[in-house]
Amino acid sequence: MERHKSTPINSILDIWLRQEGLETPLLQHRMIVGWPIVMGEAIAKYTGEINIYGNTLRVKIKSPALRQNLMMMRTEIAKKMNNYVQAQIIQDVTFY
């Protein structure tokens, strides 16, 4: 009996998503949903709308003081968010 090499289903799914152009939108959605996980519930409760435009994550922060503090940590936050989805999706974070 001849054995064939088997391919894990997650590899097949990754290839299919990439071919259909769905990989980036899926990762962007995971990043938006993952905001409270990465940043914590304390920050998440002051968070409004979250969007991704181009390579920028845009986050509405309801507290001006918190917004100012987060602005100083933009680069670190972008790295954390990219690490969360294990891909280079964003390059910058803006707060409004």
PDB file of N, CA and C in Angstrom:
ATOM      1  N   MET A   1       0.831  -1.173   0.000  1.00  0.00           N
ATOM      2  CA  MET A   1       0.000   0.000   0.000  1.00  0.00           C
ATOM      3  C   MET A   1       0.886   1.251   0.000  1.00  0.00           C
ATOM      4  N   GLU A   2       0.556   2.178  -0.864  1.00  0.00           N
ATOM      5  CA  GLU A   2       1.321   3.400  -1.000  1.00  0.00           C
ATOM      6  C   GLU A   2       0.781   4.469  -0.059  1.00  0.00           C
ATOM      7  N   ARG A   3       1.674   5.146   0.635  1.00  0.00           N
ATOM      8  CA  ARG A   3       1.268   6.229   1.537  1.00  0.00           C
ATOM      9  C   ARG A   3       1.532   7.573   0.872  1.00  0.00           C
ATOM     10  N   HIS A   4       0.602   8.465   1.072  1.00  0.00           N
ATOM     11  CA  HIS A   4       0.744   9.820   0.552  1.00  0.00           C
ATOM     12  C   HIS A   4       1.029  10.763   1.703  1.00  0.00           C
ATOM     13  N   LYS A   5       1.753  11.801   1.379  1.00  0.00           N
ATOM     14  CA  LYS A   5       1.997  12.803   2.409  1.00  0.00           C
ATOM     15  C   LYS A   5       0.687  13.534   2.691  1.00  0.00           C
ATOM     16  N   SER A   6       0.389  13.687   3.950  1.00  0.00           N
ATOM     17  CA  SER A   6      -0.834  14.408   4.313  1.00  0.00           C
ATOM     18  C   SER A   6      -0.474  15.850   4.678  1.00  0.00           C
ATOM     19  N   THR A   7      -1.380  16.733   4.369  1.00  0.00           N
ATOM     20  CA  THR A   7      -1.199  18.145   4.670  1.00  0.00           C
ATOM     21  C   THR A   7      -2.190  18.526   5.752  1.00  0.00           C
ATOM     22  N   PRO A   8      -1.717  19.192   6.802  1.00  0.00           N
ATOM     23  CA  PRO A   8      -2.640  19.605   7.870  1.00  0.00           C
ATOM     24  C   PRO A   8      -3.714  20.556   7.323  1.00  0.00           C
ATOM     25  N   ILE A   9      -4.899  20.451   7.864  1.00  0.00           N
ATOM     26  CA  ILE A   9      -6.032  21.247   7.391  1.00  0.00           C
ATOM     27  C   ILE A   9      -5.794  22.743   7.565  1.00  0.00           C
ATOM     28  N   ASN A  10      -5.090  23.143   8.624  1.00  0.00           N
ATOM     29  CA  ASN A  10      -4.842  24.580   8.809  1.00  0.00           C
ATOM     30  C   ASN A  10      -3.941  25.133   7.708  1.00  0.00           C
ATOM     31  N   SER A  11      -3.029  24.338   7.187  1.00  0.00           N
ATOM     32  CA  SER A  11      -2.187  24.776   6.072  1.00  0.00           C
ATOM     33  C   SER A  11      -3.009  24.937   4.803  1.00  0.00           C
ATOM     34  N   ILE A  12      -3.912  24.005   4.582  1.00  0.00           N
ATOM     35  CA  ILE A  12      -4.786  24.086   3.411  1.00  0.00           C
ATOM     36  C   ILE A  12      -5.671  25.328   3.509  1.00  0.00           C
ATOM     37  N   LEU A  13      -6.224  25.584   4.688  1.00  0.00           N
ATOM     38  CA  LEU A  13      -7.058  26.776   4.889  1.00  0.00           C
ATOM     39  C   LEU A  13      -6.273  28.061   4.673  1.00  0.00           C
ATOM     40  N   ASP A  14      -5.056  28.123   5.190  1.00  0.00           N
ATOM     41  CA  ASP A  14      -4.222  29.314   5.014  1.00  0.00           C
ATOM     42  C   ASP A  14      -3.960  29.583   3.539  1.00  0.00           C
ATOM     43  N   ILE A  15      -3.648  28.549   2.787  1.00  0.00           N
ATOM     44  CA  ILE A  15      -3.398  28.695   1.349  1.00  0.00           C
ATOM     45  C   ILE A  15      -4.653  29.178   0.643  1.00  0.00           C
ATOM     46  N   TRP A  16      -5.793  28.585   0.973  1.00  0.00           N
ATOM     47  CA  TRP A  16      -7.053  28.965   0.325  1.00  0.00           C
ATOM     48  C   TRP A  16      -7.410  30.423   0.641  1.00  0.00           C
ATOM     49  N   LEU A  17      -7.283  30.826   1.909  1.00  0.00           N
ATOM     50  CA  LEU A  17      -7.583  32.198   2.292  1.00  0.00           C
ATOM     51  C   LEU A  17      -6.692  33.187   1.544  1.00  0.00           C
ATOM     52  N   ARG A  18      -5.410  32.845   1.414  1.00  0.00           N
ATOM     53  CA  ARG A  18      -4.468  33.709   0.707  1.00  0.00           C
ATOM     54  C   ARG A  18      -4.844  33.829  -0.769  1.00  0.00           C
ATOM     55  N   GLN A  19      -5.200  32.710  -1.387  1.00  0.00           N
ATOM     56  CA  GLN A  19      -5.567  32.705  -2.810  1.00  0.00           C
ATOM     57  C   GLN A  19      -6.845  33.497  -3.068  1.00  0.00           C
ATOM     58  N   GLU A  20      -7.779  33.450  -2.156  1.00  0.00           N
ATOM     59  CA  GLU A  20      -9.056  34.139  -2.326  1.00  0.00           C
ATOM     60  C   GLU A  20      -9.009  35.598  -1.861  1.00  0.00           C
ATOM     61  N   GLY A  21      -7.868  36.039  -1.338  1.00  0.00           N
ATOM     62  CA  GLY A  21      -7.736  37.424  -0.887  1.00  0.00           C
ATOM     63  C   GLY A  21      -8.455  37.701   0.420  1.00  0.00           C
ATOM     64  N   LEU A  22      -8.662  36.674   1.225  1.00  0.00           N
ATOM     65  CA  LEU A  22      -9.397  36.827   2.478  1.00  0.00           C
ATOM     66  C   LEU A  22      -8.502  36.824   3.715  1.00  0.00           C
ATOM     67  N   GLU A  23      -7.226  36.583   3.528  1.00  0.00           N
ATOM     68  CA  GLU A  23      -6.325  36.479   4.671  1.00  0.00           C
ATOM     69  C   GLU A  23      -6.202  37.817   5.415  1.00  0.00           C
ATOM     70  N   THR A  24      -5.953  38.903   4.697  1.00  0.00           N
ATOM     71  CA  THR A  24      -5.780  40.208   5.341  1.00  0.00           C
ATOM     72  C   THR A  24      -7.058  40.682   6.025  1.00  0.00           C
ATOM     73  N   PRO A  25      -8.228  40.623   5.367  1.00  0.00           N
ATOM     74  CA  PRO A  25      -9.446  41.041   6.087  1.00  0.00           C
ATOM     75  C   PRO A  25      -9.710  40.214   7.346  1.00  0.00           C
ATOM     76  N   LEU A  26      -9.410  38.934   7.299  1.00  0.00           N
ATOM     77  CA  LEU A  26      -9.598  38.090   8.480  1.00  0.00           C
ATOM     78  C   LEU A  26      -8.653  38.514   9.604  1.00  0.00           C
ATOM     79  N   LEU A  27      -7.398  38.778   9.261  1.00  0.00           N
ATOM     80  CA  LEU A  27      -6.435  39.212  10.274  1.00  0.00           C
ATOM     81  C   LEU A  27      -6.798  40.588  10.828  1.00  0.00           C
ATOM     82  N   GLN A  28      -7.320  41.477   9.976  1.00  0.00           N
ATOM     83  CA  GLN A  28      -7.756  42.787  10.461  1.00  0.00           C
ATOM     84  C   GLN A  28      -8.909  42.635  11.442  1.00  0.00           C
ATOM     85  N   HIS A  29      -9.848  41.757  11.136  1.00  0.00           N
ATOM     86  CA  HIS A  29     -10.973  41.516  12.049  1.00  0.00           C
ATOM     87  C   HIS A  29     -10.476  40.954  13.377  1.00  0.00           C
ATOM     88  N   ARG A  30      -9.545  40.016  13.316  1.00  0.00           N
ATOM     89  CA  ARG A  30      -8.979  39.446  14.550  1.00  0.00           C
ATOM     90  C   ARG A  30      -8.289  40.521  15.380  1.00  0.00           C
ATOM     91  N   MET A  31      -7.632  41.462  14.704  1.00  0.00           N
ATOM     92  CA  MET A  31      -6.944  42.529  15.425  1.00  0.00           C
ATOM     93  C   MET A  31      -7.948  43.431  16.145  1.00  0.00           C
ATOM     94  N   ILE A  32      -9.016  43.794  15.466  1.00  0.00           N
ATOM     95  CA  ILE A  32     -10.031  44.664  16.071  1.00  0.00           C
ATOM     96  C   ILE A  32     -10.693  43.971  17.256  1.00  0.00           C
ATOM     97  N   VAL A  33     -11.032  42.714  17.085  1.00  0.00           N
ATOM     98  CA  VAL A  33     -11.662  41.945  18.169  1.00  0.00           C
ATOM     99  C   VAL A  33     -10.676  41.727  19.316  1.00  0.00           C
ATOM    100  N   GLY A  34      -9.386  41.660  19.009  1.00  0.00           N
ATOM    101  CA  GLY A  34      -8.367  41.399  20.016  1.00  0.00           C
ATOM    102  C   GLY A  34      -7.923  42.618  20.812  1.00  0.00           C
ATOM    103  N   TRP A  35      -8.412  43.805  20.454  1.00  0.00           N
ATOM    104  CA  TRP A  35      -8.021  45.028  21.171  1.00  0.00           C
ATOM    105  C   TRP A  35      -8.192  44.906  22.688  1.00  0.00           C
ATOM    106  N   PRO A  36      -9.365  44.475  23.199  1.00  0.00           N
ATOM    107  CA  PRO A  36      -9.513  44.371  24.660  1.00  0.00           C
ATOM    108  C   PRO A  36      -8.590  43.321  25.284  1.00  0.00           C
ATOM    109  N   ILE A  37      -8.265  42.300  24.534  1.00  0.00           N
ATOM    110  CA  ILE A  37      -7.382  41.241  25.049  1.00  0.00           C
ATOM    111  C   ILE A  37      -5.959  41.772  25.180  1.00  0.00           C
ATOM    112  N   VAL A  38      -5.491  42.464  24.159  1.00  0.00           N
ATOM    113  CA  VAL A  38      -4.120  42.974  24.153  1.00  0.00           C
ATOM    114  C   VAL A  38      -3.961  44.142  25.118  1.00  0.00           C
ATOM    115  N   MET A  39      -4.920  45.068  25.111  1.00  0.00           N
ATOM    116  CA  MET A  39      -4.783  46.293  25.899  1.00  0.00           C
ATOM    117  C   MET A  39      -5.369  46.183  27.306  1.00  0.00           C
ATOM    118  N   GLY A  40      -6.200  45.200  27.535  1.00  0.00           N
ATOM    119  CA  GLY A  40      -6.781  45.010  28.858  1.00  0.00           C
ATOM    120  C   GLY A  40      -8.147  45.663  28.973  1.00  0.00           C
ATOM    121  N   GLU A  41      -8.918  45.185  29.904  1.00  0.00           N
ATOM    122  CA  GLU A  41     -10.294  45.664  30.092  1.00  0.00           C
ATOM    123  C   GLU A  41     -10.355  47.113  30.580  1.00  0.00           C
ATOM    124  N   ALA A  42      -9.345  47.545  31.350  1.00  0.00           N
ATOM    125  CA  ALA A  42      -9.352  48.916  31.856  1.00  0.00           C
ATOM    126  C   ALA A  42      -9.322  49.923  30.708  1.00  0.00           C
ATOM    127  N   ILE A  43      -8.522  49.668  29.691  1.00  0.00           N
ATOM    128  CA  ILE A  43      -8.453  50.552  28.533  1.00  0.00           C
ATOM    129  C   ILE A  43      -9.646  50.309  27.623  1.00  0.00           C
ATOM    130  N   ALA A  44     -10.062  49.068  27.499  1.00  0.00           N
ATOM    131  CA  ALA A  44     -11.174  48.718  26.605  1.00  0.00           C
ATOM    132  C   ALA A  44     -12.471  49.419  27.001  1.00  0.00           C
ATOM    133  N   LYS A  45     -12.671  49.670  28.292  1.00  0.00           N
ATOM    134  CA  LYS A  45     -13.925  50.316  28.690  1.00  0.00           C
ATOM    135  C   LYS A  45     -13.978  51.788  28.277  1.00  0.00           C
ATOM    136  N   TYR A  46     -12.822  52.389  27.963  1.00  0.00           N
ATOM    137  CA  TYR A  46     -12.774  53.765  27.469  1.00  0.00           C
ATOM    138  C   TYR A  46     -12.632  53.828  25.949  1.00  0.00           C
ATOM    139  N   THR A  47     -12.756  52.679  25.307  1.00  0.00           N
ATOM    140  CA  THR A  47     -12.584  52.590  23.863  1.00  0.00           C
ATOM    141  C   THR A  47     -13.927  52.639  23.165  1.00  0.00           C
ATOM    142  N   GLY A  48     -13.976  53.407  22.086  1.00  0.00           N
ATOM    143  CA  GLY A  48     -15.168  53.462  21.244  1.00  0.00           C
ATOM    144  C   GLY A  48     -14.934  52.661  19.981  1.00  0.00           C
ATOM    145  N   GLU A  49     -15.098  53.321  18.857  1.00  0.00           N
ATOM    146  CA  GLU A  49     -14.943  52.702  17.554  1.00  0.00           C
ATOM    147  C   GLU A  49     -13.495  52.318  17.282  1.00  0.00           C
ATOM    148  N   ILE A  50     -13.308  51.167  16.617  1.00  0.00           N
ATOM    149  CA  ILE A  50     -11.982  50.727  16.189  1.00  0.00           C
ATOM    150  C   ILE A  50     -12.078  50.374  14.714  1.00  0.00           C
ATOM    151  N   ASN A  51     -11.197  50.960  13.899  1.00  0.00           N
ATOM    152  CA  ASN A  51     -11.171  50.702  12.462  1.00  0.00           C
ATOM    153  C   ASN A  51      -9.735  50.561  11.995  1.00  0.00           C
ATOM    154  N   ILE A  52      -9.582  49.954  10.837  1.00  0.00           N
ATOM    155  CA  ILE A  52      -8.284  49.907  10.186  1.00  0.00           C
ATOM    156  C   ILE A  52      -8.449  50.544   8.808  1.00  0.00           C
ATOM    157  N   TYR A  53      -7.678  51.594   8.564  1.00  0.00           N
ATOM    158  CA  TYR A  53      -7.646  52.263   7.273  1.00  0.00           C
ATOM    159  C   TYR A  53      -6.231  52.148   6.730  1.00  0.00           C
ATOM    160  N   GLY A  54      -6.085  51.446   5.625  1.00  0.00           N
ATOM    161  CA  GLY A  54      -4.751  51.220   5.075  1.00  0.00           C
ATOM    162  C   GLY A  54      -3.927  50.422   6.057  1.00  0.00           C
ATOM    163  N   ASN A  55      -2.824  50.991   6.504  1.00  0.00           N
ATOM    164  CA  ASN A  55      -1.946  50.335   7.478  1.00  0.00           C
ATOM    165  C   ASN A  55      -2.025  50.983   8.849  1.00  0.00           C
ATOM    166  N   THR A  56      -3.128  51.685   9.118  1.00  0.00           N
ATOM    167  CA  THR A  56      -3.264  52.408  10.383  1.00  0.00           C
ATOM    168  C   THR A  56      -4.478  51.920  11.163  1.00  0.00           C
ATOM    169  N   LEU A  57      -4.245  51.581  12.406  1.00  0.00           N
ATOM    170  CA  LEU A  57      -5.323  51.227  13.322  1.00  0.00           C
ATOM    171  C   LEU A  57      -5.812  52.527  13.945  1.00  0.00           C
ATOM    172  N   ARG A  58      -7.107  52.825  13.798  1.00  0.00           N
ATOM    173  CA  ARG A  58      -7.700  54.045  14.345  1.00  0.00           C
ATOM    174  C   ARG A  58      -8.618  53.659  15.499  1.00  0.00           C
ATOM    175  N   VAL A  59      -8.376  54.232  16.664  1.00  0.00           N
ATOM    176  CA  VAL A  59      -9.122  53.875  17.862  1.00  0.00           C
ATOM    177  C   VAL A  59      -9.690  55.133  18.504  1.00  0.00           C
ATOM    178  N   LYS A  60     -10.990  55.116  18.770  1.00  0.00           N
ATOM    179  CA  LYS A  60     -11.617  56.240  19.475  1.00  0.00           C
ATOM    180  C   LYS A  60     -11.486  55.999  20.976  1.00  0.00           C
ATOM    181  N   ILE A  61     -10.880  56.953  21.666  1.00  0.00           N
ATOM    182  CA  ILE A  61     -10.695  56.869  23.119  1.00  0.00           C
ATOM    183  C   ILE A  61     -11.529  57.973  23.753  1.00  0.00           C
ATOM    184  N   LYS A  62     -12.360  57.591  24.706  1.00  0.00           N
ATOM    185  CA  LYS A  62     -13.307  58.526  25.328  1.00  0.00           C
ATOM    186  C   LYS A  62     -12.670  59.440  26.379  1.00  0.00           C
ATOM    187  N   SER A  63     -11.504  59.099  26.870  1.00  0.00           N
ATOM    188  CA  SER A  63     -10.834  59.892  27.901  1.00  0.00           C
ATOM    189  C   SER A  63      -9.648  60.643  27.288  1.00  0.00           C
ATOM    190  N   PRO A  64      -9.656  61.972  27.324  1.00  0.00           N
ATOM    191  CA  PRO A  64      -8.536  62.738  26.767  1.00  0.00           C
ATOM    192  C   PRO A  64      -7.190  62.417  27.426  1.00  0.00           C
ATOM    193  N   ALA A  65      -7.188  62.202  28.717  1.00  0.00           N
ATOM    194  CA  ALA A  65      -5.936  61.889  29.423  1.00  0.00           C
ATOM    195  C   ALA A  65      -5.382  60.538  28.972  1.00  0.00           C
ATOM    196  N   LEU A  66      -6.254  59.563  28.866  1.00  0.00           N
ATOM    197  CA  LEU A  66      -5.823  58.239  28.405  1.00  0.00           C
ATOM    198  C   LEU A  66      -5.353  58.315  26.955  1.00  0.00           C
ATOM    199  N   ARG A  67      -6.065  59.070  26.137  1.00  0.00           N
ATOM    200  CA  ARG A  67      -5.685  59.233  24.726  1.00  0.00           C
ATOM    201  C   ARG A  67      -4.268  59.779  24.628  1.00  0.00           C
ATOM    202  N   GLN A  68      -3.950  60.763  25.443  1.00  0.00           N
ATOM    203  CA  GLN A  68      -2.607  61.354  25.433  1.00  0.00           C
ATOM    204  C   GLN A  68      -1.552  60.338  25.841  1.00  0.00           C
ATOM    205  N   ASN A  69      -1.838  59.547  26.867  1.00  0.00           N
ATOM    206  CA  ASN A  69      -0.882  58.523  27.301  1.00  0.00           C
ATOM    207  C   ASN A  69      -0.667  57.466  26.225  1.00  0.00           C
ATOM    208  N   LEU A  70      -1.748  57.056  25.583  1.00  0.00           N
ATOM    209  CA  LEU A  70      -1.633  56.030  24.542  1.00  0.00           C
ATOM    210  C   LEU A  70      -0.887  56.553  23.317  1.00  0.00           C
ATOM    211  N   MET A  71      -1.033  57.839  23.023  1.00  0.00           N
ATOM    212  CA  MET A  71      -0.314  58.434  21.881  1.00  0.00           C
ATOM    213  C   MET A  71       1.197  58.274  22.039  1.00  0.00           C
ATOM    214  N   MET A  72       1.672  58.349  23.272  1.00  0.00           N
ATOM    215  CA  MET A  72       3.107  58.211  23.517  1.00  0.00           C
ATOM    216  C   MET A  72       3.575  56.761  23.370  1.00  0.00           C
ATOM    217  N   MET A  73       2.635  55.816  23.367  1.00  0.00           N
ATOM    218  CA  MET A  73       2.980  54.393  23.275  1.00  0.00           C
ATOM    219  C   MET A  73       2.568  53.789  21.931  1.00  0.00           C
ATOM    220  N   ARG A  74       2.345  54.612  20.914  1.00  0.00           N
ATOM    221  CA  ARG A  74       1.827  54.151  19.623  1.00  0.00           C
ATOM    222  C   ARG A  74       2.655  53.038  18.999  1.00  0.00           C
ATOM    223  N   THR A  75       3.957  53.199  18.959  1.00  0.00           N
ATOM    224  CA  THR A  75       4.830  52.208  18.321  1.00  0.00           C
ATOM    225  C   THR A  75       4.750  50.873  19.037  1.00  0.00           C
ATOM    226  N   GLU A  76       4.799  50.917  20.349  1.00  0.00           N
ATOM    227  CA  GLU A  76       4.721  49.691  21.155  1.00  0.00           C
ATOM    228  C   GLU A  76       3.364  49.008  20.981  1.00  0.00           C
ATOM    229  N   ILE A  77       2.302  49.780  20.921  1.00  0.00           N
ATOM    230  CA  ILE A  77       0.960  49.221  20.738  1.00  0.00           C
ATOM    231  C   ILE A  77       0.843  48.557  19.366  1.00  0.00           C
ATOM    232  N   ALA A  78       1.390  49.188  18.335  1.00  0.00           N
ATOM    233  CA  ALA A  78       1.355  48.596  16.990  1.00  0.00           C
ATOM    234  C   ALA A  78       2.079  47.254  16.982  1.00  0.00           C
ATOM    235  N   LYS A  79       3.227  47.185  17.644  1.00  0.00           N
ATOM    236  CA  LYS A  79       3.971  45.919  17.716  1.00  0.00           C
ATOM    237  C   LYS A  79       3.170  44.846  18.449  1.00  0.00           C
ATOM    238  N   LYS A  80       2.547  45.223  19.572  1.00  0.00           N
ATOM    239  CA  LYS A  80       1.742  44.263  20.340  1.00  0.00           C
ATOM    240  C   LYS A  80       0.567  43.738  19.519  1.00  0.00           C
ATOM    241  N   MET A  81      -0.097  44.637  18.800  1.00  0.00           N
ATOM    242  CA  MET A  81      -1.248  44.226  17.998  1.00  0.00           C
ATOM    243  C   MET A  81      -0.825  43.319  16.848  1.00  0.00           C
ATOM    244  N   ASN A  82       0.289  43.634  16.192  1.00  0.00           N
ATOM    245  CA  ASN A  82       0.800  42.771  15.125  1.00  0.00           C
ATOM    246  C   ASN A  82       1.224  41.406  15.671  1.00  0.00           C
ATOM    247  N   ASN A  83       1.842  41.400  16.844  1.00  0.00           N
ATOM    248  CA  ASN A  83       2.225  40.132  17.468  1.00  0.00           C
ATOM    249  C   ASN A  83       0.999  39.291  17.800  1.00  0.00           C
ATOM    250  N   TYR A  84      -0.080  39.937  18.193  1.00  0.00           N
ATOM    251  CA  TYR A  84      -1.303  39.215  18.555  1.00  0.00           C
ATOM    252  C   TYR A  84      -1.852  38.426  17.365  1.00  0.00           C
ATOM    253  N   VAL A  85      -1.833  39.027  16.176  1.00  0.00           N
ATOM    254  CA  VAL A  85      -2.352  38.323  14.989  1.00  0.00           C
ATOM    255  C   VAL A  85      -1.250  37.588  14.240  1.00  0.00           C
ATOM    256  N   GLN A  86      -0.013  37.713  14.709  1.00  0.00           N
ATOM    257  CA  GLN A  86       1.150  37.047  14.124  1.00  0.00           C
ATOM    258  C   GLN A  86       1.339  37.402  12.656  1.00  0.00           C
ATOM    259  N   ALA A  87       1.149  38.680  12.342  1.00  0.00           N
ATOM    260  CA  ALA A  87       1.356  39.187  10.985  1.00  0.00           C
ATOM    261  C   ALA A  87       1.564  40.690  11.046  1.00  0.00           C
ATOM    262  N   GLN A  88       2.210  41.238  10.030  1.00  0.00           N
ATOM    263  CA  GLN A  88       2.453  42.678   9.943  1.00  0.00           C
ATOM    264  C   GLN A  88       1.255  43.317   9.225  1.00  0.00           C
ATOM    265  N   ILE A  89       0.227  43.682   9.989  1.00  0.00           N
ATOM    266  CA  ILE A  89      -1.004  44.240   9.429  1.00  0.00           C
ATOM    267  C   ILE A  89      -1.002  45.765   9.501  1.00  0.00           C
ATOM    268  N   ILE A  90      -0.551  46.312  10.616  1.00  0.00           N
ATOM    269  CA  ILE A  90      -0.559  47.771  10.772  1.00  0.00           C
ATOM    270  C   ILE A  90       0.866  48.285  10.981  1.00  0.00           C
ATOM    271  N   GLN A  91       1.044  49.559  10.655  1.00  0.00           N
ATOM    272  CA  GLN A  91       2.328  50.211  10.888  1.00  0.00           C
ATOM    273  C   GLN A  91       2.216  51.324  11.907  1.00  0.00           C
ATOM    274  N   ASP A  92       0.979  51.815  12.107  1.00  0.00           N
ATOM    275  CA  ASP A  92       0.793  52.935  13.010  1.00  0.00           C
ATOM    276  C   ASP A  92      -0.565  52.817  13.710  1.00  0.00           C
ATOM    277  N   VAL A  93      -0.690  53.506  14.818  1.00  0.00           N
ATOM    278  CA  VAL A  93      -1.959  53.581  15.560  1.00  0.00           C
ATOM    279  C   VAL A  93      -2.253  55.057  15.785  1.00  0.00           C
ATOM    280  N   THR A  94      -3.499  55.457  15.504  1.00  0.00           N
ATOM    281  CA  THR A  94      -3.907  56.811  15.819  1.00  0.00           C
ATOM    282  C   THR A  94      -5.103  56.757  16.761  1.00  0.00           C
ATOM    283  N   PHE A  95      -5.188  57.751  17.601  1.00  0.00           N
ATOM    284  CA  PHE A  95      -6.273  57.835  18.573  1.00  0.00           C
ATOM    285  C   PHE A  95      -7.024  59.136  18.330  1.00  0.00           C
ATOM    286  N   TYR A  96      -8.331  59.072  18.409  1.00  0.00           N
ATOM    287  CA  TYR A  96      -9.157  60.279  18.231  1.00  0.00           C
ATOM    288  C   TYR A  96     -10.259  60.301  19.223  1.00  0.00           C
TER     289      TYR A  96
END
